Protein backbone atom coordinates (compact mmCIF):
# COMPACT_ATOMS: atom_id res chain seq x y z
CA UNK A 1 10.37 21.68 -6.91
CA UNK A 2 13.23 19.38 -7.91
CA UNK A 3 14.76 20.34 -11.27
CA UNK A 4 16.28 17.46 -13.21
CA UNK A 5 19.08 18.19 -15.70
CA UNK A 6 19.74 14.94 -17.58
CA UNK A 7 22.86 14.57 -19.71
CA UNK A 8 21.67 11.49 -21.63
CA UNK A 9 18.47 10.46 -23.37
CA UNK A 10 18.06 7.48 -21.03
CA UNK A 11 18.24 9.77 -18.00
CA UNK A 12 15.68 12.14 -19.51
CA UNK A 13 13.37 9.23 -20.30
CA UNK A 14 13.63 7.96 -16.72
CA UNK A 15 12.75 11.38 -15.30
CA UNK A 16 9.68 11.58 -17.52
CA UNK A 17 8.65 8.10 -16.38
CA UNK A 18 8.94 9.34 -12.78
CA UNK A 19 6.50 12.15 -13.55
CA UNK A 20 8.87 15.07 -14.12
CA UNK A 21 7.22 17.92 -16.04
CA UNK A 22 9.10 19.40 -19.04
CA UNK A 23 10.14 22.95 -18.26
CA UNK A 24 11.42 24.20 -21.64
CA UNK A 25 12.45 27.84 -21.40
CA UNK A 26 9.83 28.39 -18.68
CA UNK A 27 8.59 31.59 -20.34
CA UNK A 28 5.05 30.21 -20.53
CA UNK A 29 4.78 27.59 -17.81
CA UNK A 30 6.27 29.62 -14.98
CA UNK A 31 3.27 31.92 -14.62
CA UNK A 32 0.95 28.90 -14.63
CA UNK A 33 3.00 27.19 -11.92
CA UNK A 34 2.98 30.35 -9.81
CA UNK A 35 -0.80 30.42 -10.08
CA UNK A 36 -1.60 26.72 -9.79
CA UNK A 37 1.35 25.37 -7.83
CA UNK A 38 4.74 23.95 -8.76
CA UNK A 39 5.20 20.30 -9.73
CA UNK A 40 7.26 18.03 -7.50
CA UNK A 41 9.74 17.45 -10.34
CA UNK A 42 10.60 19.28 -13.54
CA UNK A 43 13.03 18.29 -16.28
CA UNK A 44 15.08 20.58 -18.50
CA UNK A 45 16.97 19.42 -21.60
CA UNK A 46 19.52 22.23 -21.51
CA UNK A 47 22.37 19.81 -20.65
CA UNK A 48 21.29 17.14 -23.14
CA UNK A 49 23.52 17.13 -26.27
CA UNK A 50 20.81 15.71 -28.55
CA UNK A 51 18.54 18.65 -27.67
CA UNK A 52 21.20 21.32 -28.27
CA UNK A 53 22.25 20.63 -31.86
CA UNK A 54 22.45 23.64 -34.16
CA UNK A 55 23.44 23.26 -37.80
CA UNK A 56 22.41 23.70 -41.46
CA UNK A 57 19.82 20.89 -41.27
CA UNK A 58 19.11 20.39 -37.56
CA UNK A 59 18.01 22.35 -34.53
CA UNK A 60 17.64 21.11 -30.96
CA UNK A 61 14.50 21.59 -28.92
CA UNK A 62 16.47 23.06 -25.98
CA UNK A 63 18.16 25.75 -28.08
CA UNK A 64 17.06 29.19 -26.92
CA UNK A 65 15.74 31.41 -29.69
CA UNK A 66 18.46 34.05 -29.55
CA UNK A 67 21.01 31.34 -30.48
CA UNK A 68 19.25 30.54 -33.77
CA UNK A 69 21.61 32.13 -36.31
CA UNK A 70 22.60 31.97 -39.97
CA UNK A 71 23.58 28.32 -39.69
CA UNK A 72 19.89 27.53 -40.29
CA UNK A 73 17.79 28.62 -43.31
CA UNK A 74 16.75 32.26 -43.41
CA UNK A 75 13.07 31.51 -42.85
CA UNK A 76 13.76 29.76 -39.55
CA UNK A 77 16.30 32.34 -38.39
CA UNK A 78 13.92 35.22 -39.06
CA UNK A 79 11.05 33.41 -37.36
CA UNK A 80 13.11 32.89 -34.21
CA UNK A 81 14.26 36.50 -34.27
CA UNK A 82 10.68 37.79 -34.46
CA UNK A 83 9.51 36.17 -31.21
CA UNK A 84 8.84 38.52 -28.33
CA UNK A 85 11.57 40.72 -26.88
CA UNK A 86 15.28 40.08 -26.49
CA UNK A 87 14.66 38.94 -22.93
CA UNK A 88 12.07 36.43 -24.11
CA UNK A 89 14.36 35.09 -26.85
CA UNK A 90 17.14 34.56 -24.31
CA UNK A 91 14.86 32.23 -22.32
CA UNK A 92 12.33 30.73 -24.76
CA UNK A 93 13.32 27.48 -26.43
CA UNK A 94 12.56 25.95 -29.82
CA UNK A 95 10.68 23.09 -28.18
CA UNK A 96 8.71 25.40 -25.91
CA UNK A 97 7.62 27.51 -28.85
CA UNK A 98 6.49 24.61 -31.05
CA UNK A 99 5.15 22.17 -28.46
CA UNK A 100 4.24 24.42 -25.53
CA UNK A 101 2.81 27.59 -27.05
CA UNK A 102 -0.50 28.41 -28.71
CA UNK A 103 1.22 31.01 -30.92
CA UNK A 104 3.84 28.60 -32.35
CA UNK A 105 5.69 31.38 -34.14
CA UNK A 106 8.21 28.88 -35.53
CA UNK A 107 5.58 26.58 -37.01
CA UNK A 108 5.09 28.29 -40.43
CA UNK A 109 8.86 28.33 -40.97
CA UNK A 110 9.23 24.70 -39.93
CA UNK A 111 6.36 23.60 -42.18
CA UNK A 112 7.78 25.11 -45.36
CA UNK A 113 11.10 23.33 -44.70
CA UNK A 114 9.31 19.93 -44.65
CA UNK A 115 10.60 19.53 -41.11
CA UNK A 116 10.54 16.26 -39.20
CA UNK A 117 10.72 16.07 -35.42
CA UNK A 118 12.44 13.71 -33.01
CA UNK A 119 10.49 13.48 -29.77
CA UNK A 120 11.03 11.88 -26.40
CA UNK A 121 8.52 10.03 -24.24
CA UNK A 122 8.84 7.98 -21.08
CA UNK A 123 9.06 4.87 -23.28
CA UNK A 124 11.63 6.04 -25.83
CA UNK A 125 12.53 8.24 -28.79
CA UNK A 126 10.84 8.32 -32.19
CA UNK A 127 10.52 10.48 -35.32
CA UNK A 128 7.26 12.13 -36.27
CA UNK A 129 5.75 14.99 -38.23
CA UNK A 130 4.83 18.48 -37.06
CA UNK A 131 1.14 17.63 -36.98
CA UNK A 132 1.77 15.31 -34.04
CA UNK A 133 3.95 17.89 -32.32
CA UNK A 134 1.11 20.42 -32.55
CA UNK A 135 -1.60 17.95 -31.52
CA UNK A 136 0.15 16.17 -28.65
CA UNK A 137 2.80 18.66 -27.42
CA UNK A 138 5.47 16.01 -26.79
CA UNK A 139 8.98 16.67 -25.49
CA UNK A 140 10.83 17.87 -28.58
CA UNK A 141 14.42 16.67 -28.87
CA UNK A 142 15.24 18.13 -32.28
CA UNK A 143 14.10 19.18 -35.74
CA UNK A 144 15.55 18.11 -39.09
CA UNK A 145 15.00 19.32 -42.66
CA UNK A 146 16.60 19.45 -46.09
CA UNK A 147 18.26 22.71 -47.05
CA UNK A 148 16.06 24.68 -49.49
CA UNK A 149 17.26 26.64 -52.51
CA UNK A 150 15.92 29.79 -50.85
CA UNK A 151 13.43 30.80 -48.16
CA UNK A 152 11.68 33.91 -46.83
CA UNK A 153 9.66 35.04 -43.83
CA UNK A 154 7.46 38.02 -43.03
CA UNK A 155 5.67 38.84 -39.80
CA UNK A 156 3.22 41.74 -39.99
CA UNK A 157 2.79 44.31 -37.25
CA UNK A 158 0.27 43.28 -34.62
CA UNK A 159 -2.08 45.30 -32.47
CA UNK A 160 -1.16 45.45 -28.74
CA UNK A 161 -3.49 43.02 -26.98
CA UNK A 162 -4.96 41.93 -30.31
CA UNK A 163 -4.83 38.64 -32.19
CA UNK A 164 -1.49 37.17 -33.29
CA UNK A 165 -0.06 39.06 -36.27
CA UNK A 166 -0.18 37.61 -39.76
CA UNK A 167 2.85 35.51 -40.68
CA UNK A 168 3.84 34.32 -44.16
CA UNK A 169 6.71 31.86 -44.65
CA UNK A 170 7.96 30.24 -47.84
CA UNK A 171 10.70 27.92 -49.07
CA UNK A 172 11.79 26.81 -52.52
CA UNK A 173 13.03 23.24 -53.02
CA UNK A 174 14.80 22.04 -56.18
CA UNK A 175 13.26 19.17 -58.15
CA UNK A 176 15.67 19.24 -61.09
CA UNK A 177 15.44 20.26 -64.75
CA UNK A 178 14.40 23.81 -63.90
CA UNK A 179 11.44 22.75 -61.76
CA UNK A 180 10.86 23.55 -58.10
CA UNK A 181 8.49 22.77 -55.26
CA UNK A 182 7.27 25.89 -53.52
CA UNK A 183 5.98 25.56 -49.94
CA UNK A 184 3.94 28.38 -48.40
CA UNK A 185 2.56 28.62 -44.86
CA UNK A 186 0.34 31.37 -43.45
CA UNK A 187 -0.55 32.02 -39.83
CA UNK A 188 -3.78 33.98 -39.64
CA UNK A 189 -4.78 34.44 -36.00
CA UNK A 190 -4.04 31.16 -34.25
CA UNK A 191 -4.58 29.05 -37.37
CA UNK A 192 -1.70 27.95 -39.57
CA UNK A 193 -2.41 26.67 -43.07
CA UNK A 194 0.14 25.46 -45.60
CA UNK A 195 0.21 24.52 -49.27
CA UNK A 196 2.75 23.20 -51.74
CA UNK A 197 2.91 23.43 -55.53
CA UNK A 198 5.35 22.57 -58.29
CA UNK A 199 6.50 25.41 -60.49
CA UNK A 200 9.12 26.77 -62.86
CA UNK A 201 10.55 30.26 -62.83
CA UNK A 202 7.35 32.13 -63.76
CA UNK A 203 5.91 33.63 -60.53
CA UNK A 204 2.38 33.59 -61.94
CA UNK A 205 2.43 29.79 -62.05
CA UNK A 206 2.53 29.19 -58.27
CA UNK A 207 0.28 32.18 -57.57
CA UNK A 208 -2.40 30.72 -59.85
CA UNK A 209 -2.09 27.31 -58.18
CA UNK A 210 -2.08 28.61 -54.59
CA UNK A 211 -4.64 31.37 -54.84
CA UNK A 212 -7.92 29.42 -54.71
CA UNK A 213 -7.01 27.47 -51.58
CA UNK A 214 -4.46 29.35 -49.49
CA UNK A 215 -4.89 33.04 -50.16
CA UNK A 216 -8.43 33.79 -51.22
CA UNK A 217 -9.57 35.15 -47.84
CA UNK A 218 -6.28 36.78 -46.77
CA UNK A 219 -5.49 39.77 -49.02
CA UNK A 220 -2.45 40.82 -46.96
CA UNK A 221 -1.07 37.30 -47.24
CA UNK A 222 -1.55 37.37 -51.01
CA UNK A 223 0.63 40.48 -51.22
CA UNK A 224 3.30 39.00 -48.97
CA UNK A 225 3.28 35.70 -50.86
CA UNK A 226 3.55 37.52 -54.20
CA UNK A 227 6.58 39.43 -52.94
CA UNK A 228 8.21 36.30 -51.54
CA UNK A 229 7.65 34.27 -54.71
CA UNK A 230 9.18 37.01 -56.83
CA UNK A 231 12.17 37.09 -54.51
CA UNK A 232 12.63 33.32 -54.30
CA UNK A 233 12.33 32.18 -57.92
CA UNK A 234 15.54 32.34 -59.96
CA UNK A 235 15.62 34.80 -62.84
């Protein structure tokens, strides 16, 4: 297998056009390649500057999870820190987790931040939403968002060999004049659902608005959301 390490977007695009397979952190695809055979060419974005950004409102797809620190919002940092073991986080990338994994542990955190994605194809670069990233698994160059007022993340304990553990993520965005937009996302099994509601500083207001749609069938999520709302809203 020939591993391509492009240093420019045009190089990366050319390699994809030649049939190179994105390798990401290789934590998921390597076992498949060992079983089914290695591709003739693979491409890694680890040397591509656009895929390695890390700042208050951006995160590159080639950034490995153990590099995600307090430069990003708390919800995203905690999500990255909850993935697998230390060895996994030293190899798994942001792009691999969102576009190449069925678990998508970063997805609830990215959703509540109103994240947009920049993706790369063999024909060029374009911006899109997370729904397309999930549906089409493109090559993820980077993520971008607007800094929230506050955010929170909780991942419940899972059973060994059981379904993915429950995840609740939330972020509070200022609207002005004492009003806020509260985004909540819940991963229950492999399904991720998200809701948004406008609210003031009374925690019962968003709970009343979110309950009928997001939380009615997930009692543990209701408790986690209640705790997060109480922690996020200003007093």
